[in-house]
Amino acid sequence: MSLLDIAPVVPVVVIDDPETAVPLARALVAGGLPVIEVTLRTDAALDAIARIAAEVPEAVIGAGTVRTPADVAASVAAGSKFLVSPGTTPGLVDAMEVSGVPFLPGVATASEVMALADRGVTEMKFFPAEAAGGLPYLKALGGPLPQVRFCPTGGIKLATAPGYLALPNVGCVGGTWLTPADALATGDYPRIEKLAAEAAALR
């Protein structure tokens, strides 16, 4: 199964304290969202990925904000089952292609999409979705590039996600609204599970 078809929403998570990683992942999985992207924006990220990979086997854990070949190697070593980048460079795509795990390279323009499609890549992250043109832009890309599917991320909320999911070239969306900072800070995992369940019900 394609990474884009497992769940309608991929939680995009920033983890500052690795101790929160496992209970957070369990709450998201319990709510129906097993695909979890932990962004490499904090020093705790790789530790968090490793803990989730080891202790929450039902989760499909991946690394986001992958920017360099070194990030690719470190993420896979930590246990990442997939990789997501905010943008694309030839060297980064080379590294992701040989990593042995699925990847969603980031794109924001038709030229970037075409360059990746020329390499045989047909699943991508559209980022930053809302700022880069949102629904109208993705709908327009579907005409000349119908073979490409996207996971739009960036500025999407529960209320706007259904519009994206209705597009034939969108498999899932990425969202940060599922793990509010205050819920993580207070350990309110039931709230996170409830938010995940609402998102899982979108498809």
N, C-alpha and C. Protein backbone atom coordinates (compact mmCIF):
# COMPACT_ATOMS: atom_id res chain seq x y z
N MET A 1 0.84 -1.20 0.00
CA MET A 1 0.00 0.00 0.00
C MET A 1 0.88 1.25 0.00
N SER A 2 0.45 2.24 -0.77
CA SER A 2 1.16 3.51 -0.80
C SER A 2 1.07 4.20 0.54
N LEU A 3 2.11 4.92 0.89
CA LEU A 3 2.12 5.72 2.11
C LEU A 3 0.95 6.70 2.13
N LEU A 4 0.53 7.17 0.96
CA LEU A 4 -0.54 8.16 0.87
C LEU A 4 -1.93 7.57 1.13
N ASP A 5 -2.02 6.25 1.14
CA ASP A 5 -3.33 5.61 1.25
C ASP A 5 -3.63 5.00 2.62
N ILE A 6 -2.71 5.11 3.55
CA ILE A 6 -2.90 4.45 4.85
C ILE A 6 -3.90 5.20 5.72
N ALA A 7 -3.80 6.52 5.75
CA ALA A 7 -4.69 7.33 6.58
C ALA A 7 -4.91 8.67 5.88
N PRO A 8 -6.03 9.33 6.12
CA PRO A 8 -6.29 10.60 5.44
C PRO A 8 -5.41 11.75 5.91
N VAL A 9 -4.92 11.65 7.15
CA VAL A 9 -4.10 12.73 7.71
C VAL A 9 -2.83 12.16 8.32
N VAL A 10 -1.71 12.80 8.02
CA VAL A 10 -0.43 12.45 8.64
C VAL A 10 -0.11 13.52 9.68
N PRO A 11 -0.10 13.18 10.96
CA PRO A 11 0.28 14.17 11.97
C PRO A 11 1.74 14.59 11.78
N VAL A 12 1.96 15.90 11.72
CA VAL A 12 3.31 16.44 11.60
C VAL A 12 3.68 16.96 12.99
N VAL A 13 4.64 16.29 13.62
CA VAL A 13 4.87 16.46 15.05
C VAL A 13 6.25 17.05 15.33
N VAL A 14 6.28 18.02 16.22
CA VAL A 14 7.54 18.57 16.74
C VAL A 14 7.68 18.11 18.19
N ILE A 15 8.71 17.35 18.47
CA ILE A 15 8.89 16.79 19.81
C ILE A 15 10.13 17.41 20.47
N ASP A 16 9.91 18.05 21.59
CA ASP A 16 11.01 18.65 22.35
C ASP A 16 11.52 17.72 23.44
N ASP A 17 10.63 16.91 23.99
CA ASP A 17 10.97 15.99 25.07
C ASP A 17 10.74 14.56 24.59
N PRO A 18 11.79 13.76 24.43
CA PRO A 18 11.62 12.39 23.92
C PRO A 18 10.74 11.52 24.81
N GLU A 19 10.59 11.92 26.08
CA GLU A 19 9.72 11.14 26.97
C GLU A 19 8.26 11.17 26.52
N THR A 20 7.90 12.20 25.74
CA THR A 20 6.51 12.30 25.27
C THR A 20 6.27 11.48 24.00
N ALA A 21 7.33 10.99 23.37
CA ALA A 21 7.19 10.37 22.05
C ALA A 21 6.29 9.15 22.05
N VAL A 22 6.52 8.23 22.96
CA VAL A 22 5.75 6.98 22.95
C VAL A 22 4.29 7.19 23.31
N PRO A 23 3.96 7.89 24.42
CA PRO A 23 2.54 8.10 24.69
C PRO A 23 1.85 8.92 23.60
N LEU A 24 2.56 9.84 22.98
CA LEU A 24 1.99 10.61 21.88
C LEU A 24 1.66 9.69 20.70
N ALA A 25 2.61 8.86 20.34
CA ALA A 25 2.38 7.95 19.22
C ALA A 25 1.23 6.99 19.51
N ARG A 26 1.16 6.50 20.74
CA ARG A 26 0.08 5.57 21.09
C ARG A 26 -1.28 6.27 21.00
N ALA A 27 -1.34 7.53 21.38
CA ALA A 27 -2.60 8.27 21.31
C ALA A 27 -3.02 8.47 19.85
N LEU A 28 -2.08 8.80 18.98
CA LEU A 28 -2.40 9.01 17.57
C LEU A 28 -2.85 7.71 16.91
N VAL A 29 -2.16 6.62 17.22
CA VAL A 29 -2.54 5.32 16.66
C VAL A 29 -3.92 4.91 17.16
N ALA A 30 -4.17 5.11 18.46
CA ALA A 30 -5.47 4.76 19.02
C ALA A 30 -6.60 5.55 18.38
N GLY A 31 -6.28 6.79 17.95
CA GLY A 31 -7.28 7.62 17.29
C GLY A 31 -7.47 7.28 15.83
N GLY A 32 -6.64 6.39 15.29
CA GLY A 32 -6.80 5.96 13.91
C GLY A 32 -5.81 6.53 12.93
N LEU A 33 -4.73 7.17 13.43
CA LEU A 33 -3.73 7.75 12.54
C LEU A 33 -2.37 7.10 12.81
N PRO A 34 -2.06 5.99 12.15
CA PRO A 34 -0.81 5.28 12.42
C PRO A 34 0.43 5.88 11.77
N VAL A 35 0.25 6.68 10.71
CA VAL A 35 1.40 7.28 10.03
C VAL A 35 1.76 8.59 10.73
N ILE A 36 2.97 8.66 11.28
CA ILE A 36 3.37 9.80 12.09
C ILE A 36 4.70 10.35 11.57
N GLU A 37 4.72 11.65 11.29
CA GLU A 37 5.94 12.31 10.84
C GLU A 37 6.52 13.15 11.97
N VAL A 38 7.69 12.78 12.44
CA VAL A 38 8.41 13.56 13.46
C VAL A 38 9.43 14.43 12.74
N THR A 39 9.29 15.73 12.88
CA THR A 39 10.18 16.64 12.15
C THR A 39 11.54 16.74 12.82
N LEU A 40 12.57 16.85 12.00
CA LEU A 40 13.93 16.98 12.50
C LEU A 40 14.24 18.44 12.84
N ARG A 41 13.37 19.03 13.64
CA ARG A 41 13.53 20.44 14.01
C ARG A 41 14.04 20.60 15.43
N THR A 42 14.17 19.50 16.15
CA THR A 42 14.64 19.58 17.53
C THR A 42 15.73 18.54 17.77
N ASP A 43 16.49 18.75 18.82
CA ASP A 43 17.55 17.80 19.16
C ASP A 43 16.97 16.45 19.60
N ALA A 44 15.71 16.45 20.01
CA ALA A 44 15.09 15.22 20.51
C ALA A 44 14.50 14.36 19.41
N ALA A 45 14.47 14.86 18.18
CA ALA A 45 13.72 14.18 17.11
C ALA A 45 14.18 12.76 16.84
N LEU A 46 15.47 12.55 16.65
CA LEU A 46 15.95 11.21 16.31
C LEU A 46 15.73 10.23 17.46
N ASP A 47 15.93 10.69 18.68
CA ASP A 47 15.65 9.85 19.85
C ASP A 47 14.17 9.49 19.89
N ALA A 48 13.31 10.46 19.61
CA ALA A 48 11.87 10.22 19.61
C ALA A 48 11.49 9.18 18.55
N ILE A 49 12.07 9.31 17.36
CA ILE A 49 11.79 8.34 16.29
C ILE A 49 12.23 6.94 16.72
N ALA A 50 13.40 6.84 17.32
CA ALA A 50 13.91 5.54 17.75
C ALA A 50 13.01 4.91 18.81
N ARG A 51 12.53 5.71 19.73
CA ARG A 51 11.67 5.19 20.79
C ARG A 51 10.34 4.70 20.21
N ILE A 52 9.76 5.49 19.31
CA ILE A 52 8.49 5.08 18.72
C ILE A 52 8.67 3.80 17.90
N ALA A 53 9.74 3.74 17.12
CA ALA A 53 10.01 2.56 16.30
C ALA A 53 10.14 1.31 17.16
N ALA A 54 10.75 1.47 18.33
CA ALA A 54 10.99 0.32 19.20
C ALA A 54 9.77 -0.08 20.03
N GLU A 55 8.98 0.91 20.45
CA GLU A 55 7.94 0.64 21.44
C GLU A 55 6.51 0.73 20.90
N VAL A 56 6.33 1.27 19.71
CA VAL A 56 4.98 1.36 19.14
C VAL A 56 5.02 0.76 17.73
N PRO A 57 5.11 -0.58 17.65
CA PRO A 57 5.30 -1.22 16.35
C PRO A 57 4.14 -1.01 15.38
N GLU A 58 2.96 -0.70 15.92
CA GLU A 58 1.81 -0.49 15.04
C GLU A 58 1.84 0.88 14.36
N ALA A 59 2.76 1.74 14.78
CA ALA A 59 2.92 3.04 14.15
C ALA A 59 3.84 2.93 12.94
N VAL A 60 3.54 3.72 11.91
CA VAL A 60 4.43 3.86 10.76
C VAL A 60 5.14 5.19 10.97
N ILE A 61 6.33 5.12 11.55
CA ILE A 61 7.02 6.32 11.97
C ILE A 61 7.99 6.80 10.90
N GLY A 62 7.98 8.11 10.65
CA GLY A 62 8.88 8.66 9.66
C GLY A 62 9.49 9.96 10.12
N ALA A 63 10.46 10.43 9.35
CA ALA A 63 11.16 11.68 9.66
C ALA A 63 10.76 12.75 8.67
N GLY A 64 10.47 13.95 9.19
CA GLY A 64 10.18 15.10 8.34
C GLY A 64 11.28 16.14 8.47
N THR A 65 11.20 17.17 7.66
CA THR A 65 12.23 18.21 7.59
C THR A 65 13.59 17.59 7.31
N VAL A 66 13.60 16.58 6.43
CA VAL A 66 14.84 15.95 5.99
C VAL A 66 15.45 16.84 4.91
N ARG A 67 16.64 17.35 5.16
CA ARG A 67 17.21 18.36 4.27
C ARG A 67 18.53 17.95 3.61
N THR A 68 19.22 16.97 4.17
CA THR A 68 20.54 16.59 3.66
C THR A 68 20.68 15.08 3.59
N PRO A 69 21.64 14.58 2.82
CA PRO A 69 21.92 13.14 2.85
C PRO A 69 22.24 12.63 4.25
N ALA A 70 22.90 13.46 5.06
CA ALA A 70 23.19 13.05 6.44
C ALA A 70 21.90 12.86 7.23
N ASP A 71 20.91 13.72 6.99
CA ASP A 71 19.61 13.56 7.64
C ASP A 71 18.96 12.23 7.23
N VAL A 72 19.08 11.89 5.96
CA VAL A 72 18.52 10.64 5.46
C VAL A 72 19.13 9.46 6.22
N ALA A 73 20.46 9.43 6.29
CA ALA A 73 21.16 8.32 6.95
C ALA A 73 20.80 8.23 8.43
N ALA A 74 20.78 9.37 9.11
CA ALA A 74 20.47 9.37 10.55
C ALA A 74 19.03 8.95 10.81
N SER A 75 18.12 9.37 9.95
CA SER A 75 16.70 9.04 10.14
C SER A 75 16.45 7.56 9.96
N VAL A 76 17.04 6.99 8.91
CA VAL A 76 16.86 5.56 8.67
C VAL A 76 17.51 4.75 9.79
N ALA A 77 18.67 5.18 10.25
CA ALA A 77 19.35 4.48 11.35
C ALA A 77 18.52 4.51 12.62
N ALA A 78 17.75 5.59 12.81
CA ALA A 78 16.92 5.72 14.01
C ALA A 78 15.66 4.86 13.93
N GLY A 79 15.33 4.39 12.73
CA GLY A 79 14.15 3.55 12.59
C GLY A 79 13.04 4.12 11.73
N SER A 80 13.31 5.21 11.04
CA SER A 80 12.28 5.83 10.19
C SER A 80 11.85 4.87 9.09
N LYS A 81 10.53 4.78 8.90
CA LYS A 81 9.97 3.94 7.84
C LYS A 81 9.68 4.74 6.58
N PHE A 82 9.78 6.07 6.67
CA PHE A 82 9.63 6.91 5.50
C PHE A 82 10.31 8.25 5.77
N LEU A 83 10.51 9.02 4.70
CA LEU A 83 11.20 10.30 4.79
C LEU A 83 10.39 11.38 4.08
N VAL A 84 10.38 12.59 4.64
CA VAL A 84 9.68 13.71 4.03
C VAL A 84 10.60 14.93 4.05
N SER A 85 10.70 15.61 2.91
CA SER A 85 11.55 16.79 2.85
C SER A 85 10.71 18.03 2.54
N PRO A 86 11.15 19.21 2.99
CA PRO A 86 10.41 20.44 2.70
C PRO A 86 10.62 20.93 1.28
N GLY A 87 11.72 20.54 0.68
CA GLY A 87 12.06 20.91 -0.69
C GLY A 87 12.93 19.83 -1.29
N THR A 88 13.45 20.09 -2.47
CA THR A 88 14.16 19.03 -3.19
C THR A 88 15.45 19.57 -3.80
N THR A 89 16.53 18.80 -3.60
CA THR A 89 17.78 19.03 -4.33
C THR A 89 18.19 17.70 -4.95
N PRO A 90 18.97 17.71 -6.02
CA PRO A 90 19.37 16.45 -6.64
C PRO A 90 20.08 15.50 -5.67
N GLY A 91 20.99 16.05 -4.85
CA GLY A 91 21.72 15.20 -3.91
C GLY A 91 20.81 14.58 -2.87
N LEU A 92 19.82 15.34 -2.42
CA LEU A 92 18.90 14.81 -1.42
C LEU A 92 18.04 13.71 -2.02
N VAL A 93 17.56 13.91 -3.24
CA VAL A 93 16.74 12.87 -3.88
C VAL A 93 17.57 11.61 -4.13
N ASP A 94 18.82 11.78 -4.53
CA ASP A 94 19.71 10.62 -4.70
C ASP A 94 19.78 9.81 -3.42
N ALA A 95 19.98 10.51 -2.30
CA ALA A 95 20.11 9.83 -1.01
C ALA A 95 18.81 9.15 -0.61
N MET A 96 17.68 9.82 -0.85
CA MET A 96 16.40 9.23 -0.49
C MET A 96 16.09 8.01 -1.35
N GLU A 97 16.49 8.07 -2.62
CA GLU A 97 16.20 6.94 -3.51
C GLU A 97 16.95 5.68 -3.10
N VAL A 98 18.14 5.82 -2.53
CA VAL A 98 18.93 4.65 -2.14
C VAL A 98 18.74 4.28 -0.67
N SER A 99 17.85 5.01 0.02
CA SER A 99 17.67 4.78 1.45
C SER A 99 16.96 3.47 1.77
N GLY A 100 16.18 2.99 0.81
CA GLY A 100 15.44 1.75 1.04
C GLY A 100 14.08 1.94 1.68
N VAL A 101 13.67 3.20 1.92
CA VAL A 101 12.35 3.47 2.51
C VAL A 101 11.60 4.44 1.60
N PRO A 102 10.25 4.44 1.66
CA PRO A 102 9.48 5.39 0.87
C PRO A 102 9.81 6.83 1.26
N PHE A 103 9.64 7.74 0.31
CA PHE A 103 9.93 9.14 0.60
C PHE A 103 8.98 10.05 -0.15
N LEU A 104 8.75 11.22 0.44
CA LEU A 104 7.92 12.26 -0.16
C LEU A 104 8.76 13.52 -0.28
N PRO A 105 9.36 13.76 -1.44
CA PRO A 105 10.15 14.97 -1.61
C PRO A 105 9.25 16.19 -1.74
N GLY A 106 9.68 17.29 -1.18
CA GLY A 106 8.87 18.49 -1.17
C GLY A 106 8.93 19.26 -2.47
N VAL A 107 7.77 19.73 -2.93
CA VAL A 107 7.68 20.53 -4.15
C VAL A 107 6.71 21.69 -3.92
N ALA A 108 6.91 22.76 -4.70
CA ALA A 108 5.98 23.90 -4.63
C ALA A 108 5.69 24.48 -6.00
N THR A 109 6.35 23.94 -7.05
CA THR A 109 6.13 24.46 -8.39
C THR A 109 5.96 23.32 -9.39
N ALA A 110 5.37 23.65 -10.54
CA ALA A 110 5.19 22.65 -11.60
C ALA A 110 6.54 22.13 -12.10
N SER A 111 7.53 23.00 -12.17
CA SER A 111 8.85 22.57 -12.65
C SER A 111 9.48 21.55 -11.72
N GLU A 112 9.33 21.76 -10.41
CA GLU A 112 9.86 20.79 -9.45
C GLU A 112 9.14 19.46 -9.57
N VAL A 113 7.83 19.51 -9.76
CA VAL A 113 7.06 18.27 -9.93
C VAL A 113 7.53 17.53 -11.18
N MET A 114 7.71 18.26 -12.28
CA MET A 114 8.13 17.63 -13.52
C MET A 114 9.53 17.03 -13.43
N ALA A 115 10.42 17.72 -12.72
CA ALA A 115 11.79 17.20 -12.57
C ALA A 115 11.79 15.88 -11.81
N LEU A 116 10.97 15.79 -10.78
CA LEU A 116 10.88 14.53 -10.03
C LEU A 116 10.17 13.45 -10.83
N ALA A 117 9.12 13.83 -11.55
CA ALA A 117 8.41 12.86 -12.38
C ALA A 117 9.34 12.27 -13.44
N ASP A 118 10.27 13.08 -13.97
CA ASP A 118 11.25 12.59 -14.93
C ASP A 118 12.13 11.51 -14.32
N ARG A 119 12.29 11.55 -13.00
CA ARG A 119 13.10 10.54 -12.30
C ARG A 119 12.27 9.33 -11.88
N GLY A 120 10.97 9.37 -12.19
CA GLY A 120 10.11 8.25 -11.83
C GLY A 120 9.43 8.40 -10.49
N VAL A 121 9.59 9.56 -9.86
CA VAL A 121 8.93 9.81 -8.57
C VAL A 121 7.52 10.34 -8.86
N THR A 122 6.51 9.68 -8.28
CA THR A 122 5.13 10.08 -8.56
C THR A 122 4.35 10.43 -7.29
N GLU A 123 5.00 10.37 -6.12
CA GLU A 123 4.35 10.76 -4.87
C GLU A 123 5.22 11.80 -4.19
N MET A 124 4.61 12.96 -3.85
CA MET A 124 5.38 14.09 -3.36
C MET A 124 4.63 14.82 -2.25
N LYS A 125 5.37 15.62 -1.52
CA LYS A 125 4.78 16.53 -0.54
C LYS A 125 4.62 17.90 -1.20
N PHE A 126 3.44 18.49 -1.12
CA PHE A 126 3.23 19.84 -1.62
C PHE A 126 3.32 20.79 -0.43
N PHE A 127 4.36 21.63 -0.42
CA PHE A 127 4.65 22.46 0.75
C PHE A 127 5.27 23.79 0.31
N PRO A 128 4.91 24.88 0.98
CA PRO A 128 3.86 25.02 2.01
C PRO A 128 2.50 25.18 1.33
N ALA A 129 1.60 24.26 1.57
CA ALA A 129 0.39 24.12 0.76
C ALA A 129 -0.42 25.40 0.62
N GLU A 130 -0.84 25.96 1.73
CA GLU A 130 -1.70 27.14 1.66
C GLU A 130 -0.96 28.34 1.06
N ALA A 131 0.27 28.55 1.47
CA ALA A 131 1.03 29.69 0.98
C ALA A 131 1.42 29.54 -0.49
N ALA A 132 1.53 28.29 -0.96
CA ALA A 132 1.99 28.04 -2.33
C ALA A 132 0.85 27.94 -3.35
N GLY A 133 -0.36 28.20 -2.92
CA GLY A 133 -1.47 28.20 -3.88
C GLY A 133 -2.64 27.32 -3.50
N GLY A 134 -2.43 26.43 -2.53
CA GLY A 134 -3.53 25.65 -1.97
C GLY A 134 -4.32 24.82 -2.97
N LEU A 135 -5.60 24.71 -2.69
CA LEU A 135 -6.50 23.89 -3.49
C LEU A 135 -6.48 24.24 -4.98
N PRO A 136 -6.63 25.52 -5.36
CA PRO A 136 -6.65 25.84 -6.79
C PRO A 136 -5.37 25.40 -7.51
N TYR A 137 -4.24 25.54 -6.84
CA TYR A 137 -2.97 25.18 -7.47
C TYR A 137 -2.88 23.68 -7.69
N LEU A 138 -3.22 22.89 -6.67
CA LEU A 138 -3.16 21.44 -6.81
C LEU A 138 -4.15 20.95 -7.86
N LYS A 139 -5.32 21.56 -7.90
CA LYS A 139 -6.31 21.18 -8.91
C LYS A 139 -5.76 21.46 -10.30
N ALA A 140 -5.09 22.59 -10.47
CA ALA A 140 -4.52 22.94 -11.77
C ALA A 140 -3.41 21.98 -12.18
N LEU A 141 -2.60 21.53 -11.22
CA LEU A 141 -1.52 20.59 -11.53
C LEU A 141 -2.05 19.25 -12.02
N GLY A 142 -3.26 18.89 -11.58
CA GLY A 142 -3.82 17.60 -11.95
C GLY A 142 -4.07 17.46 -13.44
N GLY A 143 -4.26 18.57 -14.14
CA GLY A 143 -4.51 18.49 -15.57
C GLY A 143 -3.30 17.99 -16.36
N PRO A 144 -2.20 18.73 -16.34
CA PRO A 144 -1.03 18.31 -17.11
C PRO A 144 -0.21 17.19 -16.46
N LEU A 145 -0.39 16.96 -15.16
CA LEU A 145 0.44 15.96 -14.44
C LEU A 145 -0.45 14.99 -13.66
N PRO A 146 -1.33 14.27 -14.36
CA PRO A 146 -2.30 13.43 -13.65
C PRO A 146 -1.69 12.22 -12.96
N GLN A 147 -0.45 11.87 -13.31
CA GLN A 147 0.17 10.68 -12.73
C GLN A 147 0.77 10.94 -11.35
N VAL A 148 0.81 12.21 -10.93
CA VAL A 148 1.47 12.57 -9.67
C VAL A 148 0.43 12.75 -8.57
N ARG A 149 0.74 12.22 -7.38
CA ARG A 149 -0.14 12.37 -6.22
C ARG A 149 0.62 13.08 -5.11
N PHE A 150 -0.14 13.79 -4.28
CA PHE A 150 0.48 14.66 -3.29
C PHE A 150 -0.04 14.43 -1.88
N CYS A 151 0.83 14.82 -0.94
CA CYS A 151 0.43 15.00 0.46
C CYS A 151 0.68 16.48 0.76
N PRO A 152 -0.34 17.34 0.58
CA PRO A 152 -0.15 18.75 0.89
C PRO A 152 -0.02 18.98 2.40
N THR A 153 0.91 19.84 2.76
CA THR A 153 1.18 20.14 4.17
C THR A 153 1.53 21.62 4.29
N GLY A 154 1.05 22.23 5.36
CA GLY A 154 1.39 23.62 5.61
C GLY A 154 0.16 24.50 5.62
N GLY A 155 -0.32 24.81 6.82
CA GLY A 155 -1.48 25.68 6.95
C GLY A 155 -2.83 24.99 6.84
N ILE A 156 -2.83 23.67 6.69
CA ILE A 156 -4.09 22.94 6.57
C ILE A 156 -4.66 22.65 7.95
N LYS A 157 -5.98 22.78 8.07
CA LYS A 157 -6.67 22.53 9.34
C LYS A 157 -7.78 21.51 9.12
N LEU A 158 -8.40 21.11 10.22
CA LEU A 158 -9.48 20.12 10.14
C LEU A 158 -10.59 20.60 9.20
N ALA A 159 -10.89 21.88 9.24
CA ALA A 159 -11.99 22.42 8.43
C ALA A 159 -11.65 22.47 6.95
N THR A 160 -10.36 22.62 6.61
CA THR A 160 -9.98 22.74 5.20
C THR A 160 -9.48 21.43 4.59
N ALA A 161 -9.16 20.46 5.43
CA ALA A 161 -8.64 19.19 4.93
C ALA A 161 -9.58 18.48 3.95
N PRO A 162 -10.91 18.44 4.20
CA PRO A 162 -11.78 17.72 3.28
C PRO A 162 -11.71 18.23 1.84
N GLY A 163 -11.53 19.52 1.65
CA GLY A 163 -11.42 20.06 0.31
C GLY A 163 -10.22 19.49 -0.43
N TYR A 164 -9.10 19.40 0.27
CA TYR A 164 -7.90 18.80 -0.33
C TYR A 164 -8.12 17.32 -0.62
N LEU A 165 -8.69 16.60 0.34
CA LEU A 165 -8.86 15.16 0.19
C LEU A 165 -9.82 14.81 -0.93
N ALA A 166 -10.66 15.76 -1.34
CA ALA A 166 -11.60 15.51 -2.43
C ALA A 166 -10.92 15.56 -3.80
N LEU A 167 -9.71 16.11 -3.87
CA LEU A 167 -9.01 16.19 -5.15
C LEU A 167 -8.46 14.81 -5.53
N PRO A 168 -8.57 14.42 -6.79
CA PRO A 168 -8.09 13.10 -7.20
C PRO A 168 -6.58 12.92 -7.09
N ASN A 169 -5.83 14.02 -7.08
CA ASN A 169 -4.37 13.90 -6.99
C ASN A 169 -3.84 14.11 -5.57
N VAL A 170 -4.73 14.07 -4.59
CA VAL A 170 -4.32 14.16 -3.18
C VAL A 170 -4.64 12.84 -2.48
N GLY A 171 -3.61 12.23 -1.91
CA GLY A 171 -3.82 10.97 -1.19
C GLY A 171 -4.10 11.18 0.28
N CYS A 172 -3.42 12.15 0.87
CA CYS A 172 -3.60 12.47 2.29
C CYS A 172 -3.09 13.88 2.50
N VAL A 173 -3.31 14.43 3.68
CA VAL A 173 -2.77 15.74 4.01
C VAL A 173 -1.92 15.62 5.28
N GLY A 174 -1.00 16.55 5.44
CA GLY A 174 -0.22 16.62 6.67
C GLY A 174 -0.75 17.72 7.54
N GLY A 175 -0.78 17.49 8.85
CA GLY A 175 -1.35 18.49 9.74
C GLY A 175 -0.64 18.58 11.07
N THR A 176 -0.49 19.82 11.54
CA THR A 176 0.12 20.04 12.85
C THR A 176 -0.93 20.25 13.94
N TRP A 177 -2.20 20.37 13.54
CA TRP A 177 -3.24 20.69 14.53
C TRP A 177 -3.54 19.52 15.47
N LEU A 178 -3.05 18.32 15.15
CA LEU A 178 -3.38 17.13 15.93
C LEU A 178 -2.62 17.03 17.24
N THR A 179 -1.52 17.77 17.34
CA THR A 179 -0.69 17.68 18.54
C THR A 179 -0.40 19.09 19.08
N PRO A 180 -1.41 19.74 19.64
CA PRO A 180 -1.21 21.10 20.17
C PRO A 180 -0.11 21.13 21.24
N ALA A 181 0.67 22.20 21.22
CA ALA A 181 1.79 22.31 22.16
C ALA A 181 1.33 22.23 23.60
N ASP A 182 0.16 22.83 23.90
CA ASP A 182 -0.28 22.80 25.29
C ASP A 182 -0.70 21.39 25.71
N ALA A 183 -1.25 20.61 24.77
CA ALA A 183 -1.62 19.23 25.09
C ALA A 183 -0.38 18.38 25.35
N LEU A 184 0.66 18.61 24.57
CA LEU A 184 1.91 17.88 24.80
C LEU A 184 2.54 18.29 26.12
N ALA A 185 2.50 19.58 26.42
CA ALA A 185 3.14 20.09 27.63
C ALA A 185 2.48 19.54 28.89
N THR A 186 1.16 19.34 28.84
CA THR A 186 0.42 18.86 30.01
C THR A 186 0.15 17.37 29.99
N GLY A 187 0.58 16.69 28.91
CA GLY A 187 0.34 15.25 28.82
C GLY A 187 -1.11 14.91 28.59
N ASP A 188 -1.82 15.77 27.90
CA ASP A 188 -3.25 15.53 27.64
C ASP A 188 -3.40 14.64 26.40
N TYR A 189 -3.02 13.38 26.54
CA TYR A 189 -3.08 12.46 25.42
C TYR A 189 -4.50 12.06 25.01
N PRO A 190 -5.46 12.02 25.95
CA PRO A 190 -6.84 11.79 25.51
C PRO A 190 -7.33 12.85 24.51
N ARG A 191 -6.91 14.10 24.72
CA ARG A 191 -7.30 15.15 23.77
C ARG A 191 -6.67 14.89 22.40
N ILE A 192 -5.42 14.46 22.39
CA ILE A 192 -4.74 14.17 21.12
C ILE A 192 -5.41 12.99 20.43
N GLU A 193 -5.79 11.98 21.20
CA GLU A 193 -6.49 10.84 20.61
C GLU A 193 -7.82 11.28 19.99
N LYS A 194 -8.52 12.18 20.66
CA LYS A 194 -9.80 12.69 20.14
C LYS A 194 -9.59 13.46 18.84
N LEU A 195 -8.56 14.30 18.79
CA LEU A 195 -8.26 15.04 17.58
C LEU A 195 -7.89 14.10 16.44
N ALA A 196 -7.16 13.04 16.77
CA ALA A 196 -6.80 12.05 15.75
C ALA A 196 -8.03 11.33 15.22
N ALA A 197 -8.96 11.01 16.11
CA ALA A 197 -10.17 10.31 15.68
C ALA A 197 -11.01 11.18 14.75
N GLU A 198 -11.07 12.47 15.05
CA GLU A 198 -11.80 13.40 14.16
C GLU A 198 -11.17 13.43 12.77
N ALA A 199 -9.84 13.44 12.74
CA ALA A 199 -9.14 13.48 11.46
C ALA A 199 -9.25 12.17 10.71
N ALA A 200 -9.19 11.06 11.44
CA ALA A 200 -9.29 9.74 10.80
C ALA A 200 -10.65 9.54 10.15
N ALA A 201 -11.67 10.22 10.68
CA ALA A 201 -13.03 10.08 10.15
C ALA A 201 -13.25 10.86 8.86
N LEU A 202 -12.23 11.60 8.42
CA LEU A 202 -12.38 12.38 7.19
C LEU A 202 -12.43 11.48 5.95
N ARG A 203 -12.01 10.23 6.10
CA ARG A 203 -12.10 9.30 4.96
C ARG A 203 -12.48 7.91 5.45
